[in-house]
């Protein structure tokens, strides 16, 4: 029983890997922000390219 308690205390006190988890969470947050921005800008860019295409087609005709 003493070995188990000692192992649990060692596990709780061990901070190895905590930094990697933090970096993983930061990377996930950045990924969500990039995805949201890309979706918003993608819709806006699609509208801009559609308008440019319409104007170019009208200018060529």
C-alpha atoms as a PDB file:
ATOM      1  CA  UNK A   1       0.000   0.000   0.000  1.00  0.00           C
ATOM      2  CA  UNK A   2       2.883   2.311   0.785  1.00  0.00           C
ATOM      3  CA  UNK A   3       4.316   1.774  -2.697  1.00  0.00           C
ATOM      4  CA  UNK A   4       0.973   2.672  -4.271  1.00  0.00           C
ATOM      5  CA  UNK A   5       0.680   5.901  -2.263  1.00  0.00           C
ATOM      6  CA  UNK A   6       4.271   6.766  -3.109  1.00  0.00           C
ATOM      7  CA  UNK A   7       3.608   6.135  -6.808  1.00  0.00           C
ATOM      8  CA  UNK A   8       0.490   8.333  -6.751  1.00  0.00           C
ATOM      9  CA  UNK A   9       2.368  11.166  -5.026  1.00  0.00           C
ATOM     10  CA  UNK A  10       5.176  10.905  -7.570  1.00  0.00           C
ATOM     11  CA  UNK A  11       2.672  10.916 -10.450  1.00  0.00           C
ATOM     12  CA  UNK A  12       0.882  14.008  -9.113  1.00  0.00           C
ATOM     13  CA  UNK A  13       4.146  15.886  -8.509  1.00  0.00           C
ATOM     14  CA  UNK A  14       5.561  14.977 -11.947  1.00  0.00           C
ATOM     15  CA  UNK A  15       5.236  17.952 -14.311  1.00  0.00           C
ATOM     16  CA  UNK A  16       6.944  16.383 -17.326  1.00  0.00           C
ATOM     17  CA  UNK A  17       4.753  16.740 -20.389  1.00  0.00           C
ATOM     18  CA  UNK A  18       2.728  19.638 -19.018  1.00  0.00           C
ATOM     19  CA  UNK A  19       4.423  22.068 -21.394  1.00  0.00           C
ATOM     20  CA  UNK A  20       3.679  19.813 -24.358  1.00  0.00           C
ATOM     21  CA  UNK A  21       0.012  19.704 -23.382  1.00  0.00           C
ATOM     22  CA  UNK A  22      -0.071  23.496 -23.088  1.00  0.00           C
ATOM     23  CA  UNK A  23       1.514  23.872 -26.523  1.00  0.00           C
ATOM     24  CA  UNK A  24      -1.019  21.420 -27.910  1.00  0.00           C
ATOM     25  CA  UNK A  25      -3.904  23.434 -26.487  1.00  0.00           C
ATOM     26  CA  UNK A  26      -2.459  26.668 -27.892  1.00  0.00           C
ATOM     27  CA  UNK A  27      -2.036  25.038 -31.318  1.00  0.00           C
ATOM     28  CA  UNK A  28      -5.635  23.801 -31.214  1.00  0.00           C
ATOM     29  CA  UNK A  29      -6.886  27.286 -30.328  1.00  0.00           C
ATOM     30  CA  UNK A  30      -4.889  28.808 -33.185  1.00  0.00           C
ATOM     31  CA  UNK A  31      -6.295  26.160 -35.534  1.00  0.00           C
ATOM     32  CA  UNK A  32      -9.858  27.021 -34.557  1.00  0.00           C
ATOM     33  CA  UNK A  33      -9.161  30.736 -35.077  1.00  0.00           C
ATOM     34  CA  UNK A  34      -7.600  30.109 -38.500  1.00  0.00           C
ATOM     35  CA  UNK A  35     -10.501  27.895 -39.570  1.00  0.00           C
ATOM     36  CA  UNK A  36     -13.060  30.490 -38.512  1.00  0.00           C
ATOM     37  CA  UNK A  37     -11.181  33.278 -40.256  1.00  0.00           C
ATOM     38  CA  UNK A  38     -10.753  31.227 -43.433  1.00  0.00           C
ATOM     39  CA  UNK A  39     -14.457  30.459 -43.547  1.00  0.00           C
ATOM     40  CA  UNK A  40     -15.389  34.126 -43.142  1.00  0.00           C
ATOM     41  CA  UNK A  41     -12.802  35.393 -45.602  1.00  0.00           C
ATOM     42  CA  UNK A  42     -13.566  32.585 -48.032  1.00  0.00           C
ATOM     43  CA  UNK A  43     -17.159  33.723 -48.348  1.00  0.00           C
ATOM     44  CA  UNK A  44     -16.092  37.345 -48.816  1.00  0.00           C
ATOM     45  CA  UNK A  45     -13.410  36.438 -51.369  1.00  0.00           C
ATOM     46  CA  UNK A  46     -15.893  34.335 -53.299  1.00  0.00           C
ATOM     47  CA  UNK A  47     -18.181  37.362 -53.577  1.00  0.00           C
ATOM     48  CA  UNK A  48     -15.313  39.594 -54.721  1.00  0.00           C
ATOM     49  CA  UNK A  49     -14.122  37.146 -57.392  1.00  0.00           C
ATOM     50  CA  UNK A  50     -17.688  36.663 -58.591  1.00  0.00           C
ATOM     51  CA  UNK A  51     -18.134  40.427 -58.978  1.00  0.00           C
ATOM     52  CA  UNK A  52     -14.798  40.760 -60.796  1.00  0.00           C
ATOM     53  CA  UNK A  53     -15.728  37.885 -63.106  1.00  0.00           C
ATOM     54  CA  UNK A  54     -19.064  39.494 -63.921  1.00  0.00           C
ATOM     55  CA  UNK A  55     -17.433  42.847 -64.685  1.00  0.00           C
ATOM     56  CA  UNK A  56     -14.711  41.261 -66.824  1.00  0.00           C
ATOM     57  CA  UNK A  57     -17.284  39.269 -68.767  1.00  0.00           C
ATOM     58  CA  UNK A  58     -19.321  42.440 -69.354  1.00  0.00           C
ATOM     59  CA  UNK A  59     -16.200  44.379 -70.402  1.00  0.00           C
ATOM     60  CA  UNK A  60     -15.145  41.703 -72.894  1.00  0.00           C
ATOM     61  CA  UNK A  61     -18.617  41.450 -74.466  1.00  0.00           C
END
